Amino acid sequence: MNRISVEGIKVGSRFTHPVFFDNGVNMFVAENIPVSQRDLDMIKTWKITSLFTCGRQLKDGEQFTPAKDLSGGRKYEPLDFIIDTSANKN
């Protein structure tokens, strides 16, 4: 799973796959859904500094193309990934 700094996310940002916080437990936005000001305010209020996705952020104006299935037909769930955050203690 890819880690994304919230500093690089702005209103209107979209992603190729769902984006999660809380180590992949809670969804921030679904794939191809633009980030709203309310979304940004929420992660700022909750002091979230990183988000996680199996995809990537789409460039401004980039067309969304559903991802090819590289999983061999297996559907992955957020908890299928283990994220070690022990190095990020504040």
PDB file of N, CA and C in Angstrom:
ATOM      1  N   MET A   1       0.858  -1.167   0.000  1.00  0.00           N
ATOM      2  CA  MET A   1       0.000   0.000   0.000  1.00  0.00           C
ATOM      3  C   MET A   1       0.904   1.230   0.000  1.00  0.00           C
ATOM      4  N   ASN A   2       0.538   2.235  -0.757  1.00  0.00           N
ATOM      5  CA  ASN A   2       1.316   3.463  -0.871  1.00  0.00           C
ATOM      6  C   ASN A   2       0.889   4.476   0.186  1.00  0.00           C
ATOM      7  N   ARG A   3       1.879   5.106   0.787  1.00  0.00           N
ATOM      8  CA  ARG A   3       1.620   6.169   1.764  1.00  0.00           C
ATOM      9  C   ARG A   3       1.628   7.508   1.031  1.00  0.00           C
ATOM     10  N   ILE A   4       0.631   8.353   1.339  1.00  0.00           N
ATOM     11  CA  ILE A   4       0.510   9.663   0.709  1.00  0.00           C
ATOM     12  C   ILE A   4       0.489  10.724   1.802  1.00  0.00           C
ATOM     13  N   SER A   5       1.321  11.734   1.657  1.00  0.00           N
ATOM     14  CA  SER A   5       1.297  12.857   2.591  1.00  0.00           C
ATOM     15  C   SER A   5       0.076  13.713   2.293  1.00  0.00           C
ATOM     16  N   VAL A   6      -0.642  14.121   3.334  1.00  0.00           N
ATOM     17  CA  VAL A   6      -1.835  14.948   3.122  1.00  0.00           C
ATOM     18  C   VAL A   6      -1.477  16.330   2.574  1.00  0.00           C
ATOM     19  N   GLU A   7      -0.226  16.734   2.696  1.00  0.00           N
ATOM     20  CA  GLU A   7       0.198  18.038   2.195  1.00  0.00           C
ATOM     21  C   GLU A   7       0.052  18.140   0.676  1.00  0.00           C
ATOM     22  N   GLY A   8       0.115  17.001  -0.028  1.00  0.00           N
ATOM     23  CA  GLY A   8       0.021  16.998  -1.477  1.00  0.00           C
ATOM     24  C   GLY A   8      -1.401  16.848  -2.006  1.00  0.00           C
ATOM     25  N   ILE A   9      -2.374  16.851  -1.110  1.00  0.00           N
ATOM     26  CA  ILE A   9      -3.766  16.661  -1.514  1.00  0.00           C
ATOM     27  C   ILE A   9      -4.492  18.001  -1.442  1.00  0.00           C
ATOM     28  N   LYS A  10      -5.259  18.283  -2.481  1.00  0.00           N
ATOM     29  CA  LYS A  10      -6.012  19.531  -2.530  1.00  0.00           C
ATOM     30  C   LYS A  10      -7.455  19.227  -2.924  1.00  0.00           C
ATOM     31  N   VAL A  11      -8.310  20.214  -2.801  1.00  0.00           N
ATOM     32  CA  VAL A  11      -9.704  20.058  -3.228  1.00  0.00           C
ATOM     33  C   VAL A  11      -9.711  19.658  -4.697  1.00  0.00           C
ATOM     34  N   GLY A  12     -10.447  18.614  -5.022  1.00  0.00           N
ATOM     35  CA  GLY A  12     -10.537  18.125  -6.399  1.00  0.00           C
ATOM     36  C   GLY A  12      -9.590  16.987  -6.718  1.00  0.00           C
ATOM     37  N   SER A  13      -8.627  16.687  -5.827  1.00  0.00           N
ATOM     38  CA  SER A  13      -7.722  15.564  -6.070  1.00  0.00           C
ATOM     39  C   SER A  13      -8.533  14.277  -6.195  1.00  0.00           C
ATOM     40  N   ARG A  14      -8.100  13.413  -7.123  1.00  0.00           N
ATOM     41  CA  ARG A  14      -8.745  12.114  -7.314  1.00  0.00           C
ATOM     42  C   ARG A  14      -7.684  11.030  -7.337  1.00  0.00           C
ATOM     43  N   PHE A  15      -8.096   9.797  -7.092  1.00  0.00           N
ATOM     44  CA  PHE A  15      -7.170   8.678  -6.995  1.00  0.00           C
ATOM     45  C   PHE A  15      -7.654   7.493  -7.810  1.00  0.00           C
ATOM     46  N   THR A  16      -6.724   6.625  -8.208  1.00  0.00           N
ATOM     47  CA  THR A  16      -7.064   5.456  -9.016  1.00  0.00           C
ATOM     48  C   THR A  16      -7.672   4.329  -8.200  1.00  0.00           C
ATOM     49  N   HIS A  17      -7.495   4.365  -6.894  1.00  0.00           N
ATOM     50  CA  HIS A  17      -8.022   3.350  -5.981  1.00  0.00           C
ATOM     51  C   HIS A  17      -8.538   4.066  -4.730  1.00  0.00           C
ATOM     52  N   PRO A  18      -9.333   3.380  -3.925  1.00  0.00           N
ATOM     53  CA  PRO A  18      -9.791   3.998  -2.675  1.00  0.00           C
ATOM     54  C   PRO A  18      -8.610   4.435  -1.799  1.00  0.00           C
ATOM     55  N   VAL A  19      -8.830   5.481  -1.012  1.00  0.00           N
ATOM     56  CA  VAL A  19      -7.801   6.026  -0.118  1.00  0.00           C
ATOM     57  C   VAL A  19      -8.299   5.863   1.316  1.00  0.00           C
ATOM     58  N   PHE A  20      -7.404   5.416   2.194  1.00  0.00           N
ATOM     59  CA  PHE A  20      -7.755   5.096   3.576  1.00  0.00           C
ATOM     60  C   PHE A  20      -6.904   5.869   4.567  1.00  0.00           C
ATOM     61  N   PHE A  21      -7.379   5.946   5.813  1.00  0.00           N
ATOM     62  CA  PHE A  21      -6.580   6.448   6.929  1.00  0.00           C
ATOM     63  C   PHE A  21      -6.738   5.457   8.068  1.00  0.00           C
ATOM     64  N   ASP A  22      -6.117   5.715   9.210  1.00  0.00           N
ATOM     65  CA  ASP A  22      -6.132   4.776  10.348  1.00  0.00           C
ATOM     66  C   ASP A  22      -5.622   3.407   9.923  1.00  0.00           C
ATOM     67  N   ASN A  23      -4.459   3.395   9.256  1.00  0.00           N
ATOM     68  CA  ASN A  23      -3.818   2.145   8.850  1.00  0.00           C
ATOM     69  C   ASN A  23      -4.706   1.277   7.967  1.00  0.00           C
ATOM     70  N   GLY A  24      -5.471   1.907   7.098  1.00  0.00           N
ATOM     71  CA  GLY A  24      -6.285   1.169   6.151  1.00  0.00           C
ATOM     72  C   GLY A  24      -7.631   0.726   6.671  1.00  0.00           C
ATOM     73  N   VAL A  25      -8.029   1.197   7.843  1.00  0.00           N
ATOM     74  CA  VAL A  25      -9.294   0.773   8.434  1.00  0.00           C
ATOM     75  C   VAL A  25     -10.457   1.626   7.936  1.00  0.00           C
ATOM     76  N   ASN A  26     -10.275   2.925   7.817  1.00  0.00           N
ATOM     77  CA  ASN A  26     -11.353   3.845   7.447  1.00  0.00           C
ATOM     78  C   ASN A  26     -11.083   4.470   6.086  1.00  0.00           C
ATOM     79  N   MET A  27     -12.126   4.512   5.238  1.00  0.00           N
ATOM     80  CA  MET A  27     -11.960   5.080   3.909  1.00  0.00           C
ATOM     81  C   MET A  27     -12.081   6.604   3.955  1.00  0.00           C
ATOM     82  N   PHE A  28     -11.135   7.252   3.282  1.00  0.00           N
ATOM     83  CA  PHE A  28     -11.136   8.709   3.134  1.00  0.00           C
ATOM     84  C   PHE A  28     -11.975   9.088   1.914  1.00  0.00           C
ATOM     85  N   VAL A  29     -11.632   8.565   0.741  1.00  0.00           N
ATOM     86  CA  VAL A  29     -12.425   8.749  -0.477  1.00  0.00           C
ATOM     87  C   VAL A  29     -12.335   7.488  -1.327  1.00  0.00           C
ATOM     88  N   ALA A  30     -13.368   7.250  -2.123  1.00  0.00           N
ATOM     89  CA  ALA A  30     -13.375   6.129  -3.057  1.00  0.00           C
ATOM     90  C   ALA A  30     -12.614   6.506  -4.320  1.00  0.00           C
ATOM     91  N   GLU A  31     -12.337   5.530  -5.146  1.00  0.00           N
ATOM     92  CA  GLU A  31     -11.616   5.808  -6.388  1.00  0.00           C
ATOM     93  C   GLU A  31     -12.401   6.775  -7.265  1.00  0.00           C
ATOM     94  N   ASN A  32     -11.677   7.697  -7.875  1.00  0.00           N
ATOM     95  CA  ASN A  32     -12.194   8.687  -8.817  1.00  0.00           C
ATOM     96  C   ASN A  32     -13.209   9.662  -8.207  1.00  0.00           C
ATOM     97  N   ILE A  33     -13.306   9.741  -6.900  1.00  0.00           N
ATOM     98  CA  ILE A  33     -14.189  10.704  -6.242  1.00  0.00           C
ATOM     99  C   ILE A  33     -13.328  11.901  -5.818  1.00  0.00           C
ATOM    100  N   PRO A  34     -13.667  13.106  -6.261  1.00  0.00           N
ATOM    101  CA  PRO A  34     -12.860  14.275  -5.901  1.00  0.00           C
ATOM    102  C   PRO A  34     -12.889  14.560  -4.393  1.00  0.00           C
ATOM    103  N   VAL A  35     -11.734  14.921  -3.866  1.00  0.00           N
ATOM    104  CA  VAL A  35     -11.614  15.313  -2.466  1.00  0.00           C
ATOM    105  C   VAL A  35     -12.316  16.657  -2.292  1.00  0.00           C
ATOM    106  N   SER A  36     -13.118  16.774  -1.250  1.00  0.00           N
ATOM    107  CA  SER A  36     -13.838  18.024  -0.979  1.00  0.00           C
ATOM    108  C   SER A  36     -13.123  18.824   0.116  1.00  0.00           C
ATOM    109  N   GLN A  37     -13.519  20.073   0.258  1.00  0.00           N
ATOM    110  CA  GLN A  37     -12.978  20.889   1.349  1.00  0.00           C
ATOM    111  C   GLN A  37     -13.328  20.268   2.686  1.00  0.00           C
ATOM    112  N   ARG A  38     -14.519  19.706   2.782  1.00  0.00           N
ATOM    113  CA  ARG A  38     -14.943  19.036   4.024  1.00  0.00           C
ATOM    114  C   ARG A  38     -14.010  17.865   4.357  1.00  0.00           C
ATOM    115  N   ASP A  39     -13.609  17.099   3.331  1.00  0.00           N
ATOM    116  CA  ASP A  39     -12.665  15.990   3.540  1.00  0.00           C
ATOM    117  C   ASP A  39     -11.343  16.508   4.100  1.00  0.00           C
ATOM    118  N   LEU A  40     -10.834  17.584   3.504  1.00  0.00           N
ATOM    119  CA  LEU A  40      -9.561  18.151   3.964  1.00  0.00           C
ATOM    120  C   LEU A  40      -9.677  18.701   5.383  1.00  0.00           C
ATOM    121  N   ASP A  41     -10.796  19.351   5.682  1.00  0.00           N
ATOM    122  CA  ASP A  41     -11.013  19.884   7.033  1.00  0.00           C
ATOM    123  C   ASP A  41     -11.040  18.748   8.055  1.00  0.00           C
ATOM    124  N   MET A  42     -11.653  17.630   7.684  1.00  0.00           N
ATOM    125  CA  MET A  42     -11.752  16.481   8.589  1.00  0.00           C
ATOM    126  C   MET A  42     -10.369  15.932   8.937  1.00  0.00           C
ATOM    127  N   ILE A  43      -9.538  15.703   7.927  1.00  0.00           N
ATOM    128  CA  ILE A  43      -8.229  15.117   8.240  1.00  0.00           C
ATOM    129  C   ILE A  43      -7.343  16.113   8.992  1.00  0.00           C
ATOM    130  N   LYS A  44      -7.548  17.403   8.752  1.00  0.00           N
ATOM    131  CA  LYS A  44      -6.798  18.414   9.508  1.00  0.00           C
ATOM    132  C   LYS A  44      -7.249  18.419  10.967  1.00  0.00           C
ATOM    133  N   THR A  45      -8.568  18.380  11.194  1.00  0.00           N
ATOM    134  CA  THR A  45      -9.111  18.365  12.563  1.00  0.00           C
ATOM    135  C   THR A  45      -8.626  17.146  13.331  1.00  0.00           C
ATOM    136  N   TRP A  46      -8.580  16.001  12.651  1.00  0.00           N
ATOM    137  CA  TRP A  46      -8.175  14.747  13.299  1.00  0.00           C
ATOM    138  C   TRP A  46      -6.663  14.560  13.316  1.00  0.00           C
ATOM    139  N   LYS A  47      -5.931  15.565  12.782  1.00  0.00           N
ATOM    140  CA  LYS A  47      -4.460  15.543  12.778  1.00  0.00           C
ATOM    141  C   LYS A  47      -3.894  14.317  12.051  1.00  0.00           C
ATOM    142  N   ILE A  48      -4.526  13.980  10.946  1.00  0.00           N
ATOM    143  CA  ILE A  48      -4.051  12.878  10.110  1.00  0.00           C
ATOM    144  C   ILE A  48      -2.993  13.440   9.166  1.00  0.00           C
ATOM    145  N   THR A  49      -1.826  12.812   9.130  1.00  0.00           N
ATOM    146  CA  THR A  49      -0.730  13.314   8.303  1.00  0.00           C
ATOM    147  C   THR A  49      -0.465  12.456   7.075  1.00  0.00           C
ATOM    148  N   SER A  50      -0.929  11.208   7.096  1.00  0.00           N
ATOM    149  CA  SER A  50      -0.698  10.306   5.974  1.00  0.00           C
ATOM    150  C   SER A  50      -1.957   9.524   5.645  1.00  0.00           C
ATOM    151  N   LEU A  51      -2.124   9.255   4.361  1.00  0.00           N
ATOM    152  CA  LEU A  51      -3.216   8.424   3.871  1.00  0.00           C
ATOM    153  C   LEU A  51      -2.598   7.259   3.108  1.00  0.00           C
ATOM    154  N   PHE A  52      -3.395   6.228   2.819  1.00  0.00           N
ATOM    155  CA  PHE A  52      -2.878   5.024   2.193  1.00  0.00           C
ATOM    156  C   PHE A  52      -3.775   4.571   1.048  1.00  0.00           C
ATOM    157  N   THR A  53      -3.150   4.134  -0.046  1.00  0.00           N
ATOM    158  CA  THR A  53      -3.890   3.633  -1.198  1.00  0.00           C
ATOM    159  C   THR A  53      -3.059   2.590  -1.936  1.00  0.00           C
ATOM    160  N   CYS A  54      -3.732   1.720  -2.647  1.00  0.00           N
ATOM    161  CA  CYS A  54      -3.036   0.770  -3.525  1.00  0.00           C
ATOM    162  C   CYS A  54      -2.788   1.398  -4.891  1.00  0.00           C
ATOM    163  N   GLY A  55      -3.327   2.586  -5.111  1.00  0.00           N
ATOM    164  CA  GLY A  55      -3.189   3.264  -6.398  1.00  0.00           C
ATOM    165  C   GLY A  55      -2.306   4.482  -6.304  1.00  0.00           C
ATOM    166  N   ARG A  56      -2.727   5.501  -7.024  1.00  0.00           N
ATOM    167  CA  ARG A  56      -1.956   6.749  -7.075  1.00  0.00           C
ATOM    168  C   ARG A  56      -2.909   7.917  -7.288  1.00  0.00           C
ATOM    169  N   GLN A  57      -2.404   9.115  -7.043  1.00  0.00           N
ATOM    170  CA  GLN A  57      -3.186  10.316  -7.267  1.00  0.00           C
ATOM    171  C   GLN A  57      -3.182  10.620  -8.761  1.00  0.00           C
ATOM    172  N   LEU A  58      -4.364  10.921  -9.306  1.00  0.00           N
ATOM    173  CA  LEU A  58      -4.464  11.298 -10.711  1.00  0.00           C
ATOM    174  C   LEU A  58      -3.957  12.719 -10.900  1.00  0.00           C
ATOM    175  N   LYS A  59      -3.311  12.971 -12.028  1.00  0.00           N
ATOM    176  CA  LYS A  59      -2.849  14.323 -12.344  1.00  0.00           C
ATOM    177  C   LYS A  59      -4.045  15.176 -12.727  1.00  0.00           C
ATOM    178  N   ASP A  60      -3.918  16.489 -12.591  1.00  0.00           N
ATOM    179  CA  ASP A  60      -4.986  17.414 -12.988  1.00  0.00           C
ATOM    180  C   ASP A  60      -5.379  17.151 -14.435  1.00  0.00           C
ATOM    181  N   GLY A  61      -6.663  16.936 -14.672  1.00  0.00           N
ATOM    182  CA  GLY A  61      -7.169  16.711 -16.016  1.00  0.00           C
ATOM    183  C   GLY A  61      -7.006  15.297 -16.544  1.00  0.00           C
ATOM    184  N   GLU A  62      -6.326  14.443 -15.797  1.00  0.00           N
ATOM    185  CA  GLU A  62      -6.112  13.058 -16.251  1.00  0.00           C
ATOM    186  C   GLU A  62      -7.426  12.279 -16.215  1.00  0.00           C
ATOM    187  N   GLN A  63      -7.704  11.554 -17.282  1.00  0.00           N
ATOM    188  CA  GLN A  63      -8.896  10.717 -17.352  1.00  0.00           C
ATOM    189  C   GLN A  63      -8.733   9.512 -16.442  1.00  0.00           C
ATOM    190  N   PHE A  64      -9.799   9.163 -15.767  1.00  0.00           N
ATOM    191  CA  PHE A  64      -9.792   7.982 -14.914  1.00  0.00           C
ATOM    192  C   PHE A  64     -10.066   6.754 -15.762  1.00  0.00           C
ATOM    193  N   THR A  65      -9.206   5.757 -15.650  1.00  0.00           N
ATOM    194  CA  THR A  65      -9.402   4.468 -16.297  1.00  0.00           C
ATOM    195  C   THR A  65      -9.387   3.425 -15.192  1.00  0.00           C
ATOM    196  N   PRO A  66     -10.472   2.656 -15.033  1.00  0.00           N
ATOM    197  CA  PRO A  66     -10.473   1.638 -13.975  1.00  0.00           C
ATOM    198  C   PRO A  66      -9.234   0.757 -14.068  1.00  0.00           C
ATOM    199  N   ALA A  67      -8.671   0.457 -12.919  1.00  0.00           N
ATOM    200  CA  ALA A  67      -7.426  -0.312 -12.847  1.00  0.00           C
ATOM    201  C   ALA A  67      -7.622  -1.716 -13.401  1.00  0.00           C
ATOM    202  N   LYS A  68      -6.594  -2.211 -14.040  1.00  0.00           N
ATOM    203  CA  LYS A  68      -6.600  -3.601 -14.476  1.00  0.00           C
ATOM    204  C   LYS A  68      -6.468  -4.470 -13.232  1.00  0.00           C
ATOM    205  N   ASP A  69      -7.063  -5.619 -13.283  1.00  0.00           N
ATOM    206  CA  ASP A  69      -7.011  -6.535 -12.148  1.00  0.00           C
ATOM    207  C   ASP A  69      -5.677  -7.267 -12.167  1.00  0.00           C
ATOM    208  N   LEU A  70      -4.785  -6.882 -11.283  1.00  0.00           N
ATOM    209  CA  LEU A  70      -3.474  -7.519 -11.176  1.00  0.00           C
ATOM    210  C   LEU A  70      -3.423  -8.505 -10.019  1.00  0.00           C
ATOM    211  N   SER A  71      -4.563  -8.770  -9.422  1.00  0.00           N
ATOM    212  CA  SER A  71      -4.599  -9.594  -8.215  1.00  0.00           C
ATOM    213  C   SER A  71      -4.882 -11.063  -8.495  1.00  0.00           C
ATOM    214  N   GLY A  72      -4.994 -11.432  -9.770  1.00  0.00           N
ATOM    215  CA  GLY A  72      -5.332 -12.810 -10.074  1.00  0.00           C
ATOM    216  C   GLY A  72      -6.781 -13.119  -9.743  1.00  0.00           C
ATOM    217  N   GLY A  73      -7.615 -12.104  -9.724  1.00  0.00           N
ATOM    218  CA  GLY A  73      -9.029 -12.297  -9.443  1.00  0.00           C
ATOM    219  C   GLY A  73      -9.405 -12.133  -7.983  1.00  0.00           C
ATOM    220  N   ARG A  74      -8.411 -12.003  -7.103  1.00  0.00           N
ATOM    221  CA  ARG A  74      -8.692 -11.851  -5.674  1.00  0.00           C
ATOM    222  C   ARG A  74      -9.013 -10.399  -5.375  1.00  0.00           C
ATOM    223  N   LYS A  75     -10.060 -10.165  -4.624  1.00  0.00           N
ATOM    224  CA  LYS A  75     -10.402  -8.815  -4.179  1.00  0.00           C
ATOM    225  C   LYS A  75      -9.698  -8.563  -2.854  1.00  0.00           C
ATOM    226  N   TYR A  76      -8.980  -7.456  -2.771  1.00  0.00           N
ATOM    227  CA  TYR A  76      -8.274  -7.100  -1.548  1.00  0.00           C
ATOM    228  C   TYR A  76      -9.124  -6.173  -0.697  1.00  0.00           C
ATOM    229  N   GLU A  77      -9.074  -6.368   0.579  1.00  0.00           N
ATOM    230  CA  GLU A  77      -9.744  -5.518   1.543  1.00  0.00           C
ATOM    231  C   GLU A  77      -8.675  -4.728   2.289  1.00  0.00           C
ATOM    232  N   PRO A  78      -9.032  -3.583   2.881  1.00  0.00           N
ATOM    233  CA  PRO A  78      -8.037  -2.752   3.568  1.00  0.00           C
ATOM    234  C   PRO A  78      -7.235  -3.504   4.624  1.00  0.00           C
ATOM    235  N   LEU A  79      -7.863  -4.412   5.330  1.00  0.00           N
ATOM    236  CA  LEU A  79      -7.158  -5.104   6.404  1.00  0.00           C
ATOM    237  C   LEU A  79      -6.257  -6.228   5.898  1.00  0.00           C
ATOM    238  N   ASP A  80      -6.227  -6.464   4.583  1.00  0.00           N
ATOM    239  CA  ASP A  80      -5.317  -7.446   4.009  1.00  0.00           C
ATOM    240  C   ASP A  80      -3.881  -6.946   4.065  1.00  0.00           C
ATOM    241  N   PHE A  81      -3.706  -5.663   4.305  1.00  0.00           N
ATOM    242  CA  PHE A  81      -2.384  -5.067   4.314  1.00  0.00           C
ATOM    243  C   PHE A  81      -1.994  -4.725   5.744  1.00  0.00           C
ATOM    244  N   ILE A  82      -0.757  -5.021   6.063  1.00  0.00           N
ATOM    245  CA  ILE A  82      -0.265  -4.675   7.398  1.00  0.00           C
ATOM    246  C   ILE A  82       0.695  -3.509   7.227  1.00  0.00           C
ATOM    247  N   ILE A  83       0.435  -2.459   7.943  1.00  0.00           N
ATOM    248  CA  ILE A  83       1.238  -1.251   7.845  1.00  0.00           C
ATOM    249  C   ILE A  83       1.917  -1.021   9.185  1.00  0.00           C
ATOM    250  N   ASP A  84       3.234  -0.999   9.174  1.00  0.00           N
ATOM    251  CA  ASP A  84       3.988  -0.784  10.401  1.00  0.00           C
ATOM    252  C   ASP A  84       4.160   0.712  10.607  1.00  0.00           C
ATOM    253  N   THR A  85       3.481   1.246  11.613  1.00  0.00           N
ATOM    254  CA  THR A  85       3.588   2.680  11.899  1.00  0.00           C
ATOM    255  C   THR A  85       4.412   2.952  13.151  1.00  0.00           C
ATOM    256  N   SER A  86       5.104   1.940  13.644  1.00  0.00           N
ATOM    257  CA  SER A  86       5.871   2.116  14.882  1.00  0.00           C
ATOM    258  C   SER A  86       6.974   3.151  14.732  1.00  0.00           C
ATOM    259  N   ALA A  87       7.477   3.373  13.528  1.00  0.00           N
ATOM    260  CA  ALA A  87       8.532   4.358  13.319  1.00  0.00           C
ATOM    261  C   ALA A  87       8.000   5.776  13.288  1.00  0.00           C
ATOM    262  N   ASN A  88       6.666   5.935  13.303  1.00  0.00           N
ATOM    263  CA  ASN A  88       6.065   7.263  13.177  1.00  0.00           C
ATOM    264  C   ASN A  88       5.551   7.802  14.504  1.00  0.00           C
ATOM    265  N   LYS A  89       6.128   7.374  15.587  1.00  0.00           N
ATOM    266  CA  LYS A  89       5.668   7.880  16.890  1.00  0.00           C
ATOM    267  C   LYS A  89       6.084   9.319  17.061  1.00  0.00           C
ATOM    268  N   ASN A  90       5.131  10.136  17.499  1.00  0.00           N
ATOM    269  CA  ASN A  90       5.419  11.565  17.701  1.00  0.00           C
ATOM    270  C   ASN A  90       5.824  11.835  19.115  1.00  0.00           C
TER     271      ASN A  90
END
